[in-house]
Amino acid sequence: MGEERSTIKVVEKAGQWGFFFLLAYVGAAIYFISRSGGAFWDVILGLLQAAVWPVYLTFHVLEALGV
């Protein structure tokens, strides 16, 4: 009995953007950690700031544009 197998091809087109965002996060983490006092919680706060800095940037740009 001949069973036919169908194959599904998945194409991921966001790979390059993922690498760009990883580099942006690493760069922001280095920046924020280098500006911290060096204590444990300052480093944790720096990592969190590195994750959310695009939100603040977008907010301030839109605020400056008057949107």
PDB file of N, CA and C in Angstrom:
ATOM      1  N   MET A   1       0.838  -1.164   0.000  1.00  0.00           N
ATOM      2  CA  MET A   1       0.000   0.000   0.000  1.00  0.00           C
ATOM      3  C   MET A   1       0.888   1.233   0.000  1.00  0.00           C
ATOM      4  N   GLY A   2       0.698   2.045  -0.990  1.00  0.00           N
ATOM      5  CA  GLY A   2       1.549   3.220  -1.154  1.00  0.00           C
ATOM      6  C   GLY A   2       1.024   4.427  -0.380  1.00  0.00           C
ATOM      7  N   GLU A   3       1.743   4.755   0.658  1.00  0.00           N
ATOM      8  CA  GLU A   3       1.380   5.961   1.412  1.00  0.00           C
ATOM      9  C   GLU A   3       2.153   7.140   0.843  1.00  0.00           C
ATOM     10  N   GLU A   4       1.452   8.198   0.594  1.00  0.00           N
ATOM     11  CA  GLU A   4       2.114   9.403   0.118  1.00  0.00           C
ATOM     12  C   GLU A   4       2.436  10.297   1.299  1.00  0.00           C
ATOM     13  N   ARG A   5       3.639  10.766   1.311  1.00  0.00           N
ATOM     14  CA  ARG A   5       4.047  11.684   2.374  1.00  0.00           C
ATOM     15  C   ARG A   5       4.156  13.080   1.782  1.00  0.00           C
ATOM     16  N   SER A   6       3.530  14.004   2.431  1.00  0.00           N
ATOM     17  CA  SER A   6       3.651  15.380   1.967  1.00  0.00           C
ATOM     18  C   SER A   6       4.681  16.092   2.830  1.00  0.00           C
ATOM     19  N   THR A   7       5.414  16.945   2.195  1.00  0.00           N
ATOM     20  CA  THR A   7       6.433  17.686   2.928  1.00  0.00           C
ATOM     21  C   THR A   7       6.038  19.157   2.978  1.00  0.00           C
ATOM     22  N   ILE A   8       6.381  19.768   4.075  1.00  0.00           N
ATOM     23  CA  ILE A   8       6.101  21.188   4.266  1.00  0.00           C
ATOM     24  C   ILE A   8       7.431  21.909   4.344  1.00  0.00           C
ATOM     25  N   LYS A   9       7.559  22.944   3.552  1.00  0.00           N
ATOM     26  CA  LYS A   9       8.784  23.726   3.553  1.00  0.00           C
ATOM     27  C   LYS A   9       8.528  25.020   4.328  1.00  0.00           C
ATOM     28  N   VAL A  10       9.319  25.249   5.360  1.00  0.00           N
ATOM     29  CA  VAL A  10       9.197  26.449   6.180  1.00  0.00           C
ATOM     30  C   VAL A  10      10.362  27.364   5.845  1.00  0.00           C
ATOM     31  N   VAL A  11      10.037  28.591   5.467  1.00  0.00           N
ATOM     32  CA  VAL A  11      11.063  29.566   5.113  1.00  0.00           C
ATOM     33  C   VAL A  11      11.036  30.679   6.150  1.00  0.00           C
ATOM     34  N   GLU A  12      12.134  30.851   6.843  1.00  0.00           N
ATOM     35  CA  GLU A  12      12.259  31.906   7.860  1.00  0.00           C
ATOM     36  C   GLU A  12      12.975  33.079   7.225  1.00  0.00           C
ATOM     37  N   LYS A  13      12.287  34.215   7.144  1.00  0.00           N
ATOM     38  CA  LYS A  13      12.876  35.377   6.477  1.00  0.00           C
ATOM     39  C   LYS A  13      13.311  36.455   7.454  1.00  0.00           C
ATOM     40  N   ALA A  14      13.218  36.214   8.745  1.00  0.00           N
ATOM     41  CA  ALA A  14      13.573  37.239   9.729  1.00  0.00           C
ATOM     42  C   ALA A  14      14.912  36.954  10.394  1.00  0.00           C
ATOM     43  N   GLY A  15      15.705  36.071   9.852  1.00  0.00           N
ATOM     44  CA  GLY A  15      16.961  35.698  10.476  1.00  0.00           C
ATOM     45  C   GLY A  15      17.952  36.838  10.577  1.00  0.00           C
ATOM     46  N   GLN A  16      18.066  37.628   9.520  1.00  0.00           N
ATOM     47  CA  GLN A  16      19.011  38.733   9.545  1.00  0.00           C
ATOM     48  C   GLN A  16      18.594  39.787  10.552  1.00  0.00           C
ATOM     49  N   TRP A  17      17.314  40.067  10.672  1.00  0.00           N
ATOM     50  CA  TRP A  17      16.835  41.060  11.635  1.00  0.00           C
ATOM     51  C   TRP A  17      17.046  40.580  13.053  1.00  0.00           C
ATOM     52  N   GLY A  18      16.890  39.300  13.284  1.00  0.00           N
ATOM     53  CA  GLY A  18      17.138  38.756  14.611  1.00  0.00           C
ATOM     54  C   GLY A  18      18.582  38.957  15.036  1.00  0.00           C
ATOM     55  N   PHE A  19      19.501  38.766  14.110  1.00  0.00           N
ATOM     56  CA  PHE A  19      20.914  38.977  14.410  1.00  0.00           C
ATOM     57  C   PHE A  19      21.190  40.450  14.675  1.00  0.00           C
ATOM     58  N   PHE A  20      20.571  41.339  13.900  1.00  0.00           N
ATOM     59  CA  PHE A  20      20.727  42.781  14.120  1.00  0.00           C
ATOM     60  C   PHE A  20      20.224  43.176  15.498  1.00  0.00           C
ATOM     61  N   PHE A  21      19.058  42.672  15.894  1.00  0.00           N
ATOM     62  CA  PHE A  21      18.507  43.012  17.205  1.00  0.00           C
ATOM     63  C   PHE A  21      19.358  42.426  18.332  1.00  0.00           C
ATOM     64  N   LEU A  22      19.946  41.262  18.113  1.00  0.00           N
ATOM     65  CA  LEU A  22      20.853  40.694  19.111  1.00  0.00           C
ATOM     66  C   LEU A  22      22.071  41.590  19.290  1.00  0.00           C
ATOM     67  N   LEU A  23      22.648  42.054  18.188  1.00  0.00           N
ATOM     68  CA  LEU A  23      23.792  42.964  18.279  1.00  0.00           C
ATOM     69  C   LEU A  23      23.413  44.278  18.959  1.00  0.00           C
ATOM     70  N   ALA A  24      22.226  44.791  18.662  1.00  0.00           N
ATOM     71  CA  ALA A  24      21.770  46.030  19.292  1.00  0.00           C
ATOM     72  C   ALA A  24      21.597  45.827  20.790  1.00  0.00           C
ATOM     73  N   TYR A  25      21.051  44.669  21.198  1.00  0.00           N
ATOM     74  CA  TYR A  25      20.869  44.392  22.622  1.00  0.00           C
ATOM     75  C   TYR A  25      22.221  44.269  23.328  1.00  0.00           C
ATOM     76  N   VAL A  26      23.145  43.560  22.719  1.00  0.00           N
ATOM     77  CA  VAL A  26      24.466  43.390  23.334  1.00  0.00           C
ATOM     78  C   VAL A  26      25.167  44.741  23.469  1.00  0.00           C
ATOM     79  N   GLY A  27      25.090  45.570  22.430  1.00  0.00           N
ATOM     80  CA  GLY A  27      25.702  46.892  22.497  1.00  0.00           C
ATOM     81  C   GLY A  27      25.069  47.757  23.573  1.00  0.00           C
ATOM     82  N   ALA A  28      23.742  47.728  23.671  1.00  0.00           N
ATOM     83  CA  ALA A  28      23.052  48.508  24.700  1.00  0.00           C
ATOM     84  C   ALA A  28      23.369  47.968  26.090  1.00  0.00           C
ATOM     85  N   ALA A  29      23.471  46.652  26.221  1.00  0.00           N
ATOM     86  CA  ALA A  29      23.809  46.072  27.523  1.00  0.00           C
ATOM     87  C   ALA A  29      25.199  46.496  27.962  1.00  0.00           C
ATOM     88  N   ILE A  30      26.143  46.487  27.035  1.00  0.00           N
ATOM     89  CA  ILE A  30      27.498  46.933  27.374  1.00  0.00           C
ATOM     90  C   ILE A  30      27.475  48.401  27.795  1.00  0.00           C
ATOM     91  N   TYR A  31      26.732  49.217  27.071  1.00  0.00           N
ATOM     92  CA  TYR A  31      26.649  50.644  27.401  1.00  0.00           C
ATOM     93  C   TYR A  31      26.062  50.856  28.799  1.00  0.00           C
ATOM     94  N   PHE A  32      24.899  50.256  29.060  1.00  0.00           N
ATOM     95  CA  PHE A  32      24.225  50.494  30.330  1.00  0.00           C
ATOM     96  C   PHE A  32      24.985  49.890  31.513  1.00  0.00           C
ATOM     97  N   ILE A  33      25.599  48.745  31.315  1.00  0.00           N
ATOM     98  CA  ILE A  33      26.369  48.131  32.403  1.00  0.00           C
ATOM     99  C   ILE A  33      27.629  48.940  32.690  1.00  0.00           C
ATOM    100  N   SER A  34      28.256  49.488  31.639  1.00  0.00           N
ATOM    101  CA  SER A  34      29.457  50.280  31.870  1.00  0.00           C
ATOM    102  C   SER A  34      29.144  51.583  32.605  1.00  0.00           C
ATOM    103  N   ARG A  35      27.928  52.073  32.470  1.00  0.00           N
ATOM    104  CA  ARG A  35      27.529  53.296  33.173  1.00  0.00           C
ATOM    105  C   ARG A  35      26.993  53.025  34.569  1.00  0.00           C
ATOM    106  N   SER A  36      26.788  51.759  34.910  1.00  0.00           N
ATOM    107  CA  SER A  36      26.263  51.421  36.239  1.00  0.00           C
ATOM    108  C   SER A  36      27.392  51.441  37.268  1.00  0.00           C
ATOM    109  N   GLY A  37      27.005  51.341  38.517  1.00  0.00           N
ATOM    110  CA  GLY A  37      27.989  51.372  39.586  1.00  0.00           C
ATOM    111  C   GLY A  37      28.758  50.076  39.753  1.00  0.00           C
ATOM    112  N   GLY A  38      28.290  49.002  39.152  1.00  0.00           N
ATOM    113  CA  GLY A  38      28.974  47.726  39.243  1.00  0.00           C
ATOM    114  C   GLY A  38      28.368  46.781  40.262  1.00  0.00           C
ATOM    115  N   ALA A  39      27.407  47.270  41.049  1.00  0.00           N
ATOM    116  CA  ALA A  39      26.732  46.391  42.004  1.00  0.00           C
ATOM    117  C   ALA A  39      25.828  45.423  41.245  1.00  0.00           C
ATOM    118  N   PHE A  40      25.460  44.345  41.905  1.00  0.00           N
ATOM    119  CA  PHE A  40      24.660  43.296  41.261  1.00  0.00           C
ATOM    120  C   PHE A  40      23.361  43.843  40.693  1.00  0.00           C
ATOM    121  N   TRP A  41      22.624  44.589  41.504  1.00  0.00           N
ATOM    122  CA  TRP A  41      21.318  45.079  41.050  1.00  0.00           C
ATOM    123  C   TRP A  41      21.470  46.168  40.000  1.00  0.00           C
ATOM    124  N   ASP A  42      22.572  46.896  40.004  1.00  0.00           N
ATOM    125  CA  ASP A  42      22.821  47.876  38.951  1.00  0.00           C
ATOM    126  C   ASP A  42      23.037  47.177  37.604  1.00  0.00           C
ATOM    127  N   VAL A  43      23.721  46.047  37.641  1.00  0.00           N
ATOM    128  CA  VAL A  43      23.945  45.278  36.410  1.00  0.00           C
ATOM    129  C   VAL A  43      22.618  44.704  35.908  1.00  0.00           C
ATOM    130  N   ILE A  44      21.796  44.186  36.809  1.00  0.00           N
ATOM    131  CA  ILE A  44      20.479  43.661  36.421  1.00  0.00           C
ATOM    132  C   ILE A  44      19.633  44.777  35.818  1.00  0.00           C
ATOM    133  N   LEU A  45      19.647  45.953  36.438  1.00  0.00           N
ATOM    134  CA  LEU A  45      18.909  47.091  35.899  1.00  0.00           C
ATOM    135  C   LEU A  45      19.449  47.488  34.526  1.00  0.00           C
ATOM    136  N   GLY A  46      20.752  47.428  34.335  1.00  0.00           N
ATOM    137  CA  GLY A  46      21.347  47.722  33.031  1.00  0.00           C
ATOM    138  C   GLY A  46      20.881  46.755  31.952  1.00  0.00           C
ATOM    139  N   LEU A  47      20.774  45.477  32.298  1.00  0.00           N
ATOM    140  CA  LEU A  47      20.277  44.488  31.333  1.00  0.00           C
ATOM    141  C   LEU A  47      18.817  44.737  30.980  1.00  0.00           C
ATOM    142  N   LEU A  48      18.021  45.125  31.967  1.00  0.00           N
ATOM    143  CA  LEU A  48      16.616  45.440  31.703  1.00  0.00           C
ATOM    144  C   LEU A  48      16.485  46.696  30.853  1.00  0.00           C
ATOM    145  N   GLN A  49      17.311  47.697  31.139  1.00  0.00           N
ATOM    146  CA  GLN A  49      17.290  48.913  30.327  1.00  0.00           C
ATOM    147  C   GLN A  49      17.691  48.618  28.889  1.00  0.00           C
ATOM    148  N   ALA A  50      18.636  47.719  28.706  1.00  0.00           N
ATOM    149  CA  ALA A  50      19.062  47.348  27.356  1.00  0.00           C
ATOM    150  C   ALA A  50      17.930  46.693  26.576  1.00  0.00           C
ATOM    151  N   ALA A  51      17.041  46.004  27.274  1.00  0.00           N
ATOM    152  CA  ALA A  51      15.936  45.328  26.604  1.00  0.00           C
ATOM    153  C   ALA A  51      14.834  46.294  26.188  1.00  0.00           C
ATOM    154  N   VAL A  52      14.648  47.387  26.924  1.00  0.00           N
ATOM    155  CA  VAL A  52      13.503  48.268  26.659  1.00  0.00           C
ATOM    156  C   VAL A  52      13.883  49.642  26.119  1.00  0.00           C
ATOM    157  N   TRP A  53      15.157  49.920  25.819  1.00  0.00           N
ATOM    158  CA  TRP A  53      15.526  51.251  25.355  1.00  0.00           C
ATOM    159  C   TRP A  53      14.859  51.638  24.048  1.00  0.00           C
ATOM    160  N   PRO A  54      14.549  50.714  23.113  1.00  0.00           N
ATOM    161  CA  PRO A  54      13.860  51.152  21.898  1.00  0.00           C
ATOM    162  C   PRO A  54      12.473  51.745  22.176  1.00  0.00           C
ATOM    163  N   VAL A  55      11.830  51.287  23.235  1.00  0.00           N
ATOM    164  CA  VAL A  55      10.515  51.826  23.587  1.00  0.00           C
ATOM    165  C   VAL A  55      10.645  53.290  23.990  1.00  0.00           C
ATOM    166  N   TYR A  56      11.620  53.598  24.822  1.00  0.00           N
ATOM    167  CA  TYR A  56      11.830  54.981  25.238  1.00  0.00           C
ATOM    168  C   TYR A  56      12.233  55.860  24.056  1.00  0.00           C
ATOM    169  N   LEU A  57      13.067  55.345  23.178  1.00  0.00           N
ATOM    170  CA  LEU A  57      13.499  56.095  22.005  1.00  0.00           C
ATOM    171  C   LEU A  57      12.301  56.422  21.120  1.00  0.00           C
ATOM    172  N   THR A  58      11.470  55.442  20.848  1.00  0.00           N
ATOM    173  CA  THR A  58      10.281  55.659  20.020  1.00  0.00           C
ATOM    174  C   THR A  58       9.341  56.662  20.671  1.00  0.00           C
ATOM    175  N   PHE A  59       9.138  56.551  21.978  1.00  0.00           N
ATOM    176  CA  PHE A  59       8.269  57.475  22.695  1.00  0.00           C
ATOM    177  C   PHE A  59       8.758  58.908  22.559  1.00  0.00           C
ATOM    178  N   HIS A  60      10.044  59.125  22.780  1.00  0.00           N
ATOM    179  CA  HIS A  60      10.581  60.487  22.746  1.00  0.00           C
ATOM    180  C   HIS A  60      10.604  61.051  21.312  1.00  0.00           C
ATOM    181  N   VAL A  61      10.830  60.204  20.325  1.00  0.00           N
ATOM    182  CA  VAL A  61      10.791  60.665  18.925  1.00  0.00           C
ATOM    183  C   VAL A  61       9.377  61.089  18.559  1.00  0.00           C
ATOM    184  N   LEU A  62       8.395  60.275  18.918  1.00  0.00           N
ATOM    185  CA  LEU A  62       7.005  60.625  18.612  1.00  0.00           C
ATOM    186  C   LEU A  62       6.564  61.858  19.391  1.00  0.00           C
ATOM    187  N   GLU A  63       7.053  61.982  20.615  1.00  0.00           N
ATOM    188  CA  GLU A  63       6.720  63.160  21.417  1.00  0.00           C
ATOM    189  C   GLU A  63       7.325  64.422  20.793  1.00  0.00           C
ATOM    190  N   ALA A  64       8.534  64.334  20.269  1.00  0.00           N
ATOM    191  CA  ALA A  64       9.179  65.484  19.629  1.00  0.00           C
ATOM    192  C   ALA A  64       8.477  65.853  18.325  1.00  0.00           C
ATOM    193  N   LEU A  65       7.936  64.864  17.636  1.00  0.00           N
ATOM    194  CA  LEU A  65       7.222  65.132  16.400  1.00  0.00           C
ATOM    195  C   LEU A  65       5.820  65.684  16.636  1.00  0.00           C
ATOM    196  N   GLY A  66       5.354  65.588  17.873  1.00  0.00           N
ATOM    197  CA  GLY A  66       4.024  66.094  18.209  1.00  0.00           C
ATOM    198  C   GLY A  66       2.893  65.157  17.832  1.00  0.00           C
ATOM    199  N   VAL A  67       3.187  63.895  17.726  1.00  0.00           N
ATOM    200  CA  VAL A  67       2.177  62.910  17.354  1.00  0.00           C
ATOM    201  C   VAL A  67       1.363  62.513  18.551  1.00  0.00           C
TER     202      VAL A  67
END
